[in-house]
All heavy atoms as atom14 arrays in JSON, in Angstrom:
{
  "sequence": "YACPFAIHEQFLAGNIVRDAKDGMGGFQTVWQTSELFQELRSPQTSGA",
  "atom14_mask": [
    [1, 1, 1, 1, 1, 1, 1, 1, 1, 1, 1, 1, 0, 0],
    [1, 1, 1, 1, 1, 0, 0, 0, 0, 0, 0, 0, 0, 0],
    [1, 1, 1, 1, 1, 1, 0, 0, 0, 0, 0, 0, 0, 0],
    [1, 1, 1, 1, 1, 1, 1, 0, 0, 0, 0, 0, 0, 0],
    [1, 1, 1, 1, 1, 1, 1, 1, 1, 1, 1, 0, 0, 0],
    [1, 1, 1, 1, 1, 0, 0, 0, 0, 0, 0, 0, 0, 0],
    [1, 1, 1, 1, 1, 1, 1, 1, 0, 0, 0, 0, 0, 0],
    [1, 1, 1, 1, 1, 1, 1, 1, 1, 1, 0, 0, 0, 0],
    [1, 1, 1, 1, 1, 1, 1, 1, 1, 0, 0, 0, 0, 0],
    [1, 1, 1, 1, 1, 1, 1, 1, 1, 0, 0, 0, 0, 0],
    [1, 1, 1, 1, 1, 1, 1, 1, 1, 1, 1, 0, 0, 0],
    [1, 1, 1, 1, 1, 1, 1, 1, 0, 0, 0, 0, 0, 0],
    [1, 1, 1, 1, 1, 0, 0, 0, 0, 0, 0, 0, 0, 0],
    [1, 1, 1, 1, 0, 0, 0, 0, 0, 0, 0, 0, 0, 0],
    [1, 1, 1, 1, 1, 1, 1, 1, 0, 0, 0, 0, 0, 0],
    [1, 1, 1, 1, 1, 1, 1, 1, 0, 0, 0, 0, 0, 0],
    [1, 1, 1, 1, 1, 1, 1, 0, 0, 0, 0, 0, 0, 0],
    [1, 1, 1, 1, 1, 1, 1, 1, 1, 1, 1, 0, 0, 0],
    [1, 1, 1, 1, 1, 1, 1, 1, 0, 0, 0, 0, 0, 0],
    [1, 1, 1, 1, 1, 0, 0, 0, 0, 0, 0, 0, 0, 0],
    [1, 1, 1, 1, 1, 1, 1, 1, 1, 0, 0, 0, 0, 0],
    [1, 1, 1, 1, 1, 1, 1, 1, 0, 0, 0, 0, 0, 0],
    [1, 1, 1, 1, 0, 0, 0, 0, 0, 0, 0, 0, 0, 0],
    [1, 1, 1, 1, 1, 1, 1, 1, 0, 0, 0, 0, 0, 0],
    [1, 1, 1, 1, 0, 0, 0, 0, 0, 0, 0, 0, 0, 0],
    [1, 1, 1, 1, 0, 0, 0, 0, 0, 0, 0, 0, 0, 0],
    [1, 1, 1, 1, 1, 1, 1, 1, 1, 1, 1, 0, 0, 0],
    [1, 1, 1, 1, 1, 1, 1, 1, 1, 0, 0, 0, 0, 0],
    [1, 1, 1, 1, 1, 1, 1, 0, 0, 0, 0, 0, 0, 0],
    [1, 1, 1, 1, 1, 1, 1, 0, 0, 0, 0, 0, 0, 0],
    [1, 1, 1, 1, 1, 1, 1, 1, 1, 1, 1, 1, 1, 1],
    [1, 1, 1, 1, 1, 1, 1, 1, 1, 0, 0, 0, 0, 0],
    [1, 1, 1, 1, 1, 1, 1, 0, 0, 0, 0, 0, 0, 0],
    [1, 1, 1, 1, 1, 1, 0, 0, 0, 0, 0, 0, 0, 0],
    [1, 1, 1, 1, 1, 1, 1, 1, 1, 0, 0, 0, 0, 0],
    [1, 1, 1, 1, 1, 1, 1, 1, 0, 0, 0, 0, 0, 0],
    [1, 1, 1, 1, 1, 1, 1, 1, 1, 1, 1, 0, 0, 0],
    [1, 1, 1, 1, 1, 1, 1, 1, 1, 0, 0, 0, 0, 0],
    [1, 1, 1, 1, 1, 1, 1, 1, 1, 0, 0, 0, 0, 0],
    [1, 1, 1, 1, 1, 1, 1, 1, 0, 0, 0, 0, 0, 0],
    [1, 1, 1, 1, 1, 1, 1, 1, 1, 1, 1, 0, 0, 0],
    [1, 1, 1, 1, 1, 1, 0, 0, 0, 0, 0, 0, 0, 0],
    [1, 1, 1, 1, 1, 1, 1, 0, 0, 0, 0, 0, 0, 0],
    [1, 1, 1, 1, 1, 1, 1, 1, 1, 0, 0, 0, 0, 0],
    [1, 1, 1, 1, 1, 1, 1, 0, 0, 0, 0, 0, 0, 0],
    [1, 1, 1, 1, 1, 1, 0, 0, 0, 0, 0, 0, 0, 0],
    [1, 1, 1, 1, 0, 0, 0, 0, 0, 0, 0, 0, 0, 0],
    [1, 1, 1, 1, 1, 0, 0, 0, 0, 0, 0, 0, 0, 0]
  ],
  "atom14_positions": [
    [[-23.52, -10.73, -30.38], [-24.48, -11.83, -30.41], [-24.17, -12.84, -29.31], [-23.02, -12.97, -28.87], [-24.45, -12.54, -31.77], [-24.94, -11.7, -32.92], [-24.06, -10.89, -33.64], [-26.29, -11.69, -33.29], [-24.5, -10.11, -34.71], [-26.73, -10.92, -34.36], [-25.84, -10.13, -35.06], [-26.28, -9.36, -36.11], [0.0, 0.0, 0.0], [0.0, 0.0, 0.0]],
    [[-25.18, -13.57, -28.9], [-25.01, -14.52, -27.8], [-24.06, -15.65, -28.16], [-23.43, -16.23, -27.27], [-26.37, -15.09, -27.39], [0.0, 0.0, 0.0], [0.0, 0.0, 0.0], [0.0, 0.0, 0.0], [0.0, 0.0, 0.0], [0.0, 0.0, 0.0], [0.0, 0.0, 0.0], [0.0, 0.0, 0.0], [0.0, 0.0, 0.0], [0.0, 0.0, 0.0]],
    [[-23.96, -15.97, -29.44], [-23.18, -17.14, -29.86], [-22.67, -16.93, -31.27], [-23.38, -16.35, -32.11], [-24.06, -18.39, -29.79], [-23.33, -19.89, -30.5], [0.0, 0.0, 0.0], [0.0, 0.0, 0.0], [0.0, 0.0, 0.0], [0.0, 0.0, 0.0], [0.0, 0.0, 0.0], [0.0, 0.0, 0.0], [0.0, 0.0, 0.0], [0.0, 0.0, 0.0]],
    [[-21.45, -17.4, -31.59], [-20.93, -17.28, -32.96], [-21.8, -17.99, -33.99], [-21.75, -17.66, -35.18], [-19.55, -17.93, -32.87], [-19.17, -17.85, -31.43], [-20.45, -17.98, -30.67], [0.0, 0.0, 0.0], [0.0, 0.0, 0.0], [0.0, 0.0, 0.0], [0.0, 0.0, 0.0], [0.0, 0.0, 0.0], [0.0, 0.0, 0.0], [0.0, 0.0, 0.0]],
    [[-22.57, -18.99, -33.55], [-23.41, -19.75, -34.47], [-24.83, -19.21, -34.55], [-25.68, -19.8, -35.22], [-23.46, -21.22, -34.03], [-22.13, -21.9, -34.06], [-21.44, -22.15, -32.88], [-21.55, -22.3, -35.25], [-20.21, -22.78, -32.89], [-20.31, -22.92, -35.28], [-19.64, -23.16, -34.1], [0.0, 0.0, 0.0], [0.0, 0.0, 0.0], [0.0, 0.0, 0.0]],
    [[-25.1, -18.11, -33.87], [-26.47, -17.58, -33.8], [-26.51, -16.12, -34.25], [-26.93, -15.24, -33.51], [-27.03, -17.73, -32.39], [0.0, 0.0, 0.0], [0.0, 0.0, 0.0], [0.0, 0.0, 0.0], [0.0, 0.0, 0.0], [0.0, 0.0, 0.0], [0.0, 0.0, 0.0], [0.0, 0.0, 0.0], [0.0, 0.0, 0.0], [0.0, 0.0, 0.0]],
    [[-26.03, -15.88, -35.46], [-26.05, -14.51, -36.0], [-27.44, -14.25, -36.57], [-27.74, -14.51, -37.74], [-24.96, -14.34, -37.07], [-23.58, -14.67, -36.48], [-24.96, -12.91, -37.6], [-22.45, -14.61, -37.48], [0.0, 0.0, 0.0], [0.0, 0.0, 0.0], [0.0, 0.0, 0.0], [0.0, 0.0, 0.0], [0.0, 0.0, 0.0], [0.0, 0.0, 0.0]],
    [[-28.29, -13.77, -35.71], [-29.68, -13.47, -36.05], [-30.16, -12.42, -35.07], [-29.74, -12.38, -33.91], [-30.54, -14.74, -35.95], [-31.94, -14.57, -36.45], [-32.94, -14.01, -35.69], [-32.51, -14.89, -37.64], [-34.06, -13.99, -36.39], [-33.83, -14.51, -37.58], [0.0, 0.0, 0.0], [0.0, 0.0, 0.0], [0.0, 0.0, 0.0], [0.0, 0.0, 0.0]],
    [[-31.07, -11.57, -35.55], [-31.53, -10.46, -34.71], [-32.13, -10.93, -33.39], [-32.11, -10.2, -32.39], [-32.55, -9.62, -35.47], [-33.76, -10.39, -35.95], [-34.64, -9.57, -36.87], [-34.21, -8.5, -37.33], [-35.78, -10.01, -37.13], [0.0, 0.0, 0.0], [0.0, 0.0, 0.0], [0.0, 0.0, 0.0], [0.0, 0.0, 0.0], [0.0, 0.0, 0.0]],
    [[-32.64, -12.15, -33.34], [-33.22, -12.65, -32.09], [-32.15, -12.85, -31.02], [-32.46, -12.85, -29.82], [-33.97, -13.96, -32.34], [-34.66, -14.51, -31.09], [-35.75, -15.51, -31.4], [-36.44, -15.41, -32.42], [-35.93, -16.5, -30.54], [0.0, 0.0, 0.0], [0.0, 0.0, 0.0], [0.0, 0.0, 0.0], [0.0, 0.0, 0.0], [0.0, 0.0, 0.0]],
    [[-30.9, -13.02, -31.43], [-29.81, -13.25, -30.48], [-28.84, -12.07, -30.44], [-27.71, -12.21, -29.97], [-29.08, -14.54, -30.83], [-29.98, -15.74, -30.83], [-30.39, -16.31, -32.03], [-30.47, -16.27, -29.65], [-31.25, -17.4, -32.04], [-31.32, -17.35, -29.65], [-31.72, -17.93, -30.85], [0.0, 0.0, 0.0], [0.0, 0.0, 0.0], [0.0, 0.0, 0.0]],
    [[-29.29, -10.92, -30.92], [-28.49, -9.7, -30.89], [-28.69, -9.01, -29.54], [-29.79, -8.6, -29.19], [-28.91, -8.77, -32.03], [-28.23, -7.4, -32.09], [-26.72, -7.54, -32.25], [-28.82, -6.58, -33.25], [0.0, 0.0, 0.0], [0.0, 0.0, 0.0], [0.0, 0.0, 0.0], [0.0, 0.0, 0.0], [0.0, 0.0, 0.0], [0.0, 0.0, 0.0]],
    [[-27.61, -8.9, -28.77], [-27.7, -8.34, -27.42], [-27.46, -6.85, -27.37], [-27.9, -6.17, -26.43], [-26.71, -9.05, -26.5], [0.0, 0.0, 0.0], [0.0, 0.0, 0.0], [0.0, 0.0, 0.0], [0.0, 0.0, 0.0], [0.0, 0.0, 0.0], [0.0, 0.0, 0.0], [0.0, 0.0, 0.0], [0.0, 0.0, 0.0], [0.0, 0.0, 0.0]],
    [[-26.76, -6.3, -28.35], [-26.46, -4.88, -28.35], [-25.34, -4.57, -29.3], [-24.92, -5.41, -30.1], [0.0, 0.0, 0.0], [0.0, 0.0, 0.0], [0.0, 0.0, 0.0], [0.0, 0.0, 0.0], [0.0, 0.0, 0.0], [0.0, 0.0, 0.0], [0.0, 0.0, 0.0], [0.0, 0.0, 0.0], [0.0, 0.0, 0.0], [0.0, 0.0, 0.0]],
    [[-24.84, -3.35, -29.22], [-23.75, -2.9, -30.1], [-22.72, -2.15, -29.26], [-23.06, -1.29, -28.44], [-24.29, -2.0, -31.2], [-23.21, -1.52, -32.15], [-22.52, -0.54, -31.88], [-23.05, -2.23, -33.27], [0.0, 0.0, 0.0], [0.0, 0.0, 0.0], [0.0, 0.0, 0.0], [0.0, 0.0, 0.0], [0.0, 0.0, 0.0], [0.0, 0.0, 0.0]],
    [[-21.46, -2.46, -29.49], [-20.38, -1.91, -28.69], [-20.28, -0.4, -28.81], [-20.0, 0.31, -27.83], [-19.04, -2.58, -29.09], [-18.99, -4.0, -28.52], [-17.85, -1.77, -28.63], [-17.78, -4.77, -28.93], [0.0, 0.0, 0.0], [0.0, 0.0, 0.0], [0.0, 0.0, 0.0], [0.0, 0.0, 0.0], [0.0, 0.0, 0.0], [0.0, 0.0, 0.0]],
    [[-20.5, 0.12, -30.0], [-20.41, 1.57, -30.21], [-21.64, 2.27, -29.66], [-21.55, 3.25, -28.92], [-20.23, 1.89, -31.71], [-20.18, 3.4, -31.92], [-18.97, 1.23, -32.26], [0.0, 0.0, 0.0], [0.0, 0.0, 0.0], [0.0, 0.0, 0.0], [0.0, 0.0, 0.0], [0.0, 0.0, 0.0], [0.0, 0.0, 0.0], [0.0, 0.0, 0.0]],
    [[-22.78, 1.75, -29.98], [-24.05, 2.41, -29.61], [-24.34, 2.34, -28.12], [-24.92, 3.27, -27.54], [-25.18, 1.75, -30.39], [-26.55, 2.39, -30.17], [-27.6, 1.71, -31.0], [-27.79, 0.3, -30.63], [-27.5, -0.73, -31.41], [-26.99, -0.52, -32.61], [-27.7, -1.96, -31.0], [0.0, 0.0, 0.0], [0.0, 0.0, 0.0], [0.0, 0.0, 0.0]],
    [[-23.92, 1.25, -27.46], [-24.32, 1.02, -26.07], [-23.29, 1.44, -25.03], [-23.45, 1.16, -23.84], [-24.67, -0.45, -25.87], [-25.91, -0.86, -26.66], [-26.78, 0.0, -26.85], [-25.99, -2.02, -27.11], [0.0, 0.0, 0.0], [0.0, 0.0, 0.0], [0.0, 0.0, 0.0], [0.0, 0.0, 0.0], [0.0, 0.0, 0.0], [0.0, 0.0, 0.0]],
    [[-22.21, 2.1, -25.46], [-21.22, 2.57, -24.49], [-21.84, 3.62, -23.57], [-22.63, 4.46, -24.0], [-20.02, 3.17, -25.23], [0.0, 0.0, 0.0], [0.0, 0.0, 0.0], [0.0, 0.0, 0.0], [0.0, 0.0, 0.0], [0.0, 0.0, 0.0], [0.0, 0.0, 0.0], [0.0, 0.0, 0.0], [0.0, 0.0, 0.0], [0.0, 0.0, 0.0]],
    [[-21.5, 3.55, -22.28], [-22.01, 4.48, -21.28], [-20.86, 5.14, -20.55], [-19.73, 4.67, -20.59], [-22.92, 3.75, -20.28], [-24.16, 3.12, -20.88], [-24.97, 2.41, -19.81], [-26.23, 1.78, -20.39], [-27.02, 1.06, -19.36], [0.0, 0.0, 0.0], [0.0, 0.0, 0.0], [0.0, 0.0, 0.0], [0.0, 0.0, 0.0], [0.0, 0.0, 0.0]],
    [[-21.16, 6.21, -19.85], [-20.13, 6.88, -19.05], [-19.59, 5.92, -18.01], [-20.33, 5.34, -17.22], [-20.71, 8.11, -18.36], [-21.09, 9.21, -19.34], [-20.54, 9.2, -20.45], [-21.93, 10.06, -18.98], [0.0, 0.0, 0.0], [0.0, 0.0, 0.0], [0.0, 0.0, 0.0], [0.0, 0.0, 0.0], [0.0, 0.0, 0.0], [0.0, 0.0, 0.0]],
    [[-18.27, 5.75, -18.03], [-17.64, 4.9, -17.03], [-17.69, 3.41, -17.36], [-17.13, 2.6, -16.62], [0.0, 0.0, 0.0], [0.0, 0.0, 0.0], [0.0, 0.0, 0.0], [0.0, 0.0, 0.0], [0.0, 0.0, 0.0], [0.0, 0.0, 0.0], [0.0, 0.0, 0.0], [0.0, 0.0, 0.0], [0.0, 0.0, 0.0], [0.0, 0.0, 0.0]],
    [[-18.37, 3.03, -18.44], [-18.47, 1.62, -18.8], [-18.46, 1.52, -20.32], [-19.25, 2.16, -21.01], [-19.74, 0.98, -18.23], [-19.82, -0.53, -18.49], [-21.34, -1.3, -17.81], [-21.06, -1.13, -16.06], [0.0, 0.0, 0.0], [0.0, 0.0, 0.0], [0.0, 0.0, 0.0], [0.0, 0.0, 0.0], [0.0, 0.0, 0.0], [0.0, 0.0, 0.0]],
    [[-17.54, 0.71, -20.84], [-17.44, 0.53, -22.29], [-18.63, -0.21, -22.86], [-19.42, -0.83, -22.13], [0.0, 0.0, 0.0], [0.0, 0.0, 0.0], [0.0, 0.0, 0.0], [0.0, 0.0, 0.0], [0.0, 0.0, 0.0], [0.0, 0.0, 0.0], [0.0, 0.0, 0.0], [0.0, 0.0, 0.0], [0.0, 0.0, 0.0], [0.0, 0.0, 0.0]],
    [[-18.74, -0.16, -24.17], [-19.88, -0.77, -24.83], [-19.96, -2.27, -24.64], [-21.05, -2.82, -24.41], [0.0, 0.0, 0.0], [0.0, 0.0, 0.0], [0.0, 0.0, 0.0], [0.0, 0.0, 0.0], [0.0, 0.0, 0.0], [0.0, 0.0, 0.0], [0.0, 0.0, 0.0], [0.0, 0.0, 0.0], [0.0, 0.0, 0.0], [0.0, 0.0, 0.0]],
    [[-18.81, -2.97, -24.72], [-18.87, -4.42, -24.56], [-19.25, -4.81, -23.14], [-20.08, -5.69, -22.92], [-17.55, -5.08, -24.94], [-17.58, -6.57, -24.75], [-18.32, -7.37, -25.61], [-16.92, -7.18, -23.7], [-18.4, -8.75, -25.43], [-16.98, -8.54, -23.51], [-17.72, -9.33, -24.38], [0.0, 0.0, 0.0], [0.0, 0.0, 0.0], [0.0, 0.0, 0.0]],
    [[-18.63, -4.17, -22.15], [-18.96, -4.48, -20.77], [-20.44, -4.21, -20.49], [-21.11, -4.98, -19.8], [-18.1, -3.66, -19.81], [-18.33, -4.01, -18.35], [-17.41, -3.23, -17.4], [-16.68, -2.34, -17.83], [-17.47, -3.56, -16.12], [0.0, 0.0, 0.0], [0.0, 0.0, 0.0], [0.0, 0.0, 0.0], [0.0, 0.0, 0.0], [0.0, 0.0, 0.0]],
    [[-20.95, -3.12, -21.05], [-22.37, -2.79, -20.87], [-23.26, -3.9, -21.42], [-24.2, -4.36, -20.75], [-22.72, -1.47, -21.57], [-21.94, -0.41, -21.0], [-24.19, -1.14, -21.41], [0.0, 0.0, 0.0], [0.0, 0.0, 0.0], [0.0, 0.0, 0.0], [0.0, 0.0, 0.0], [0.0, 0.0, 0.0], [0.0, 0.0, 0.0], [0.0, 0.0, 0.0]],
    [[-22.95, -4.34, -22.63], [-23.76, -5.39, -23.26], [-23.63, -6.69, -22.49], [-24.63, -7.35, -22.15], [-23.36, -5.58, -24.73], [-24.1, -6.77, -25.33], [-23.64, -4.32, -25.54], [0.0, 0.0, 0.0], [0.0, 0.0, 0.0], [0.0, 0.0, 0.0], [0.0, 0.0, 0.0], [0.0, 0.0, 0.0], [0.0, 0.0, 0.0], [0.0, 0.0, 0.0]],
    [[-22.39, -7.08, -22.18], [-22.17, -8.38, -21.53], [-22.83, -8.45, -20.15], [-23.42, -9.46, -19.79], [-20.68, -8.67, -21.42], [-20.38, -9.96, -20.71], [-20.0, -10.12, -19.41], [-20.49, -11.28, -21.24], [-19.85, -11.45, -19.1], [-20.15, -12.19, -20.22], [-20.84, -11.79, -22.49], [-20.15, -13.57, -20.41], [-20.83, -13.16, -22.68], [-20.49, -14.04, -21.64]],
    [[-22.75, -7.38, -19.4], [-23.21, -7.42, -18.01], [-24.64, -6.94, -17.8], [-25.23, -7.24, -16.75], [-22.25, -6.62, -17.14], [-20.83, -7.2, -17.1], [-19.89, -6.44, -16.19], [-20.24, -5.41, -15.62], [-18.66, -6.93, -16.05], [0.0, 0.0, 0.0], [0.0, 0.0, 0.0], [0.0, 0.0, 0.0], [0.0, 0.0, 0.0], [0.0, 0.0, 0.0]],
    [[-25.22, -6.21, -18.77], [-26.54, -5.64, -18.5], [-27.6, -5.93, -19.55], [-28.77, -5.59, -19.33], [-26.44, -4.1, -18.34], [-26.12, -3.5, -19.6], [-25.39, -3.72, -17.31], [0.0, 0.0, 0.0], [0.0, 0.0, 0.0], [0.0, 0.0, 0.0], [0.0, 0.0, 0.0], [0.0, 0.0, 0.0], [0.0, 0.0, 0.0], [0.0, 0.0, 0.0]],
    [[-27.26, -6.52, -20.68], [-28.27, -6.7, -21.73], [-29.39, -7.63, -21.27], [-29.16, -8.61, -20.55], [-27.63, -7.26, -23.01], [-27.39, -8.65, -22.9], [0.0, 0.0, 0.0], [0.0, 0.0, 0.0], [0.0, 0.0, 0.0], [0.0, 0.0, 0.0], [0.0, 0.0, 0.0], [0.0, 0.0, 0.0], [0.0, 0.0, 0.0], [0.0, 0.0, 0.0]],
    [[-30.6, -7.32, -21.69], [-31.76, -8.13, -21.31], [-31.63, -9.54, -21.85], [-32.0, -10.51, -21.17], [-33.04, -7.47, -21.84], [-33.39, -6.16, -21.15], [-34.71, -5.59, -21.65], [-35.43, -6.33, -22.38], [-35.04, -4.45, -21.33], [0.0, 0.0, 0.0], [0.0, 0.0, 0.0], [0.0, 0.0, 0.0], [0.0, 0.0, 0.0], [0.0, 0.0, 0.0]],
    [[-31.12, -9.68, -23.07], [-30.99, -11.01, -23.66], [-30.07, -11.89, -22.83], [-30.39, -13.04, -22.51], [-30.47, -10.91, -25.08], [-30.13, -12.25, -25.75], [-31.38, -13.09, -25.95], [-29.42, -12.02, -27.09], [0.0, 0.0, 0.0], [0.0, 0.0, 0.0], [0.0, 0.0, 0.0], [0.0, 0.0, 0.0], [0.0, 0.0, 0.0], [0.0, 0.0, 0.0]],
    [[-28.9, -11.36, -22.47], [-27.95, -12.17, -21.71], [-28.48, -12.49, -20.32], [-28.24, -13.58, -19.79], [-26.6, -11.45, -21.62], [-25.81, -11.48, -22.92], [-24.62, -10.78, -23.03], [-26.26, -12.19, -24.01], [-23.89, -10.81, -24.21], [-25.54, -12.22, -25.2], [-24.35, -11.53, -25.3], [0.0, 0.0, 0.0], [0.0, 0.0, 0.0], [0.0, 0.0, 0.0]],
    [[-29.19, -11.55, -19.71], [-29.79, -11.83, -18.41], [-30.81, -12.96, -18.52], [-30.9, -13.83, -17.64], [-30.46, -10.57, -17.85], [-29.5, -9.42, -17.56], [-28.37, -9.78, -16.62], [-28.6, -10.43, -15.59], [-27.16, -9.4, -16.97], [0.0, 0.0, 0.0], [0.0, 0.0, 0.0], [0.0, 0.0, 0.0], [0.0, 0.0, 0.0], [0.0, 0.0, 0.0]],
    [[-31.56, -12.96, -19.6], [-32.55, -14.01, -19.82], [-31.88, -15.36, -20.01], [-32.32, -16.38, -19.45], [-33.41, -13.67, -21.03], [-34.48, -14.71, -21.35], [-35.27, -14.36, -22.59], [-35.16, -13.22, -23.08], [-36.01, -15.24, -23.08], [0.0, 0.0, 0.0], [0.0, 0.0, 0.0], [0.0, 0.0, 0.0], [0.0, 0.0, 0.0], [0.0, 0.0, 0.0]],
    [[-30.8, -15.38, -20.8], [-30.1, -16.64, -21.06], [-29.46, -17.2, -19.79], [-29.27, -18.42, -19.68], [-29.04, -16.44, -22.14], [-29.55, -16.2, -23.56], [-28.41, -15.83, -24.5], [-30.28, -17.44, -24.09], [0.0, 0.0, 0.0], [0.0, 0.0, 0.0], [0.0, 0.0, 0.0], [0.0, 0.0, 0.0], [0.0, 0.0, 0.0], [0.0, 0.0, 0.0]],
    [[-29.12, -16.33, -18.84], [-28.48, -16.77, -17.61], [-29.48, -17.15, -16.52], [-29.08, -17.63, -15.46], [-27.56, -15.66, -17.1], [-26.38, -15.39, -18.02], [-25.7, -14.07, -17.72], [-24.75, -13.72, -18.77], [-24.21, -12.52, -18.93], [-24.52, -11.54, -18.09], [-23.37, -12.29, -19.91], [0.0, 0.0, 0.0], [0.0, 0.0, 0.0], [0.0, 0.0, 0.0]],
    [[-30.74, -16.92, -16.77], [-31.76, -17.3, -15.79], [-32.08, -18.77, -15.96], [-31.8, -19.38, -17.0], [-33.01, -16.45, -15.99], [-33.58, -16.69, -17.27], [0.0, 0.0, 0.0], [0.0, 0.0, 0.0], [0.0, 0.0, 0.0], [0.0, 0.0, 0.0], [0.0, 0.0, 0.0], [0.0, 0.0, 0.0], [0.0, 0.0, 0.0], [0.0, 0.0, 0.0]],
    [[-32.66, -19.4, -14.94], [-33.0, -20.82, -15.05], [-33.86, -21.08, -16.29], [-34.84, -20.4, -16.55], [-33.78, -21.08, -13.76], [-33.26, -20.07, -12.8], [-32.99, -18.84, -13.62], [0.0, 0.0, 0.0], [0.0, 0.0, 0.0], [0.0, 0.0, 0.0], [0.0, 0.0, 0.0], [0.0, 0.0, 0.0], [0.0, 0.0, 0.0], [0.0, 0.0, 0.0]],
    [[-33.44, -22.09, -17.07], [-34.1, -22.39, -18.33], [-34.96, -23.64, -18.2], [-34.62, -24.58, -17.47], [-33.06, -22.62, -19.44], [-32.11, -21.46, -19.64], [-32.8, -20.26, -20.27], [-33.46, -20.38, -21.28], [-32.62, -19.1, -19.65], [0.0, 0.0, 0.0], [0.0, 0.0, 0.0], [0.0, 0.0, 0.0], [0.0, 0.0, 0.0], [0.0, 0.0, 0.0]],
    [[-36.06, -23.64, -18.94], [-36.85, -24.86, -19.04], [-36.48, -25.56, -20.33], [-36.17, -24.9, -21.33], [-38.35, -24.54, -19.07], [-38.64, -23.71, -20.21], [-38.78, -23.81, -17.79], [0.0, 0.0, 0.0], [0.0, 0.0, 0.0], [0.0, 0.0, 0.0], [0.0, 0.0, 0.0], [0.0, 0.0, 0.0], [0.0, 0.0, 0.0], [0.0, 0.0, 0.0]],
    [[-36.46, -26.85, -20.32], [-36.1, -27.61, -21.51], [-37.2, -28.56, -21.92], [-36.95, -29.6, -22.53], [-34.78, -28.37, -21.27], [-33.72, -27.47, -21.08], [0.0, 0.0, 0.0], [0.0, 0.0, 0.0], [0.0, 0.0, 0.0], [0.0, 0.0, 0.0], [0.0, 0.0, 0.0], [0.0, 0.0, 0.0], [0.0, 0.0, 0.0], [0.0, 0.0, 0.0]],
    [[-38.42, -28.2, -21.6], [-39.57, -28.96, -22.08], [-39.49, -30.43, -21.75], [-39.06, -30.84, -20.66], [0.0, 0.0, 0.0], [0.0, 0.0, 0.0], [0.0, 0.0, 0.0], [0.0, 0.0, 0.0], [0.0, 0.0, 0.0], [0.0, 0.0, 0.0], [0.0, 0.0, 0.0], [0.0, 0.0, 0.0], [0.0, 0.0, 0.0], [0.0, 0.0, 0.0]],
    [[-39.87, -31.22, -22.74], [-39.89, -32.67, -22.56], [-38.5, -33.25, -22.32], [-38.37, -34.33, -21.74], [-40.54, -33.33, -23.77], [0.0, 0.0, 0.0], [0.0, 0.0, 0.0], [0.0, 0.0, 0.0], [0.0, 0.0, 0.0], [0.0, 0.0, 0.0], [0.0, 0.0, 0.0], [0.0, 0.0, 0.0], [0.0, 0.0, 0.0], [0.0, 0.0, 0.0]]
  ]
}
């Protein structure tokens, strides 16, 4: 999950076991390539 305080499916980036790839472990895959984390690292708007 993106944050310890955000345990909700909306902030679920992936799973270490399910998302492991050849040459890259599951956590590294999620941390470096997940769509959610890429979105959170992009410039954010904060409205008003």
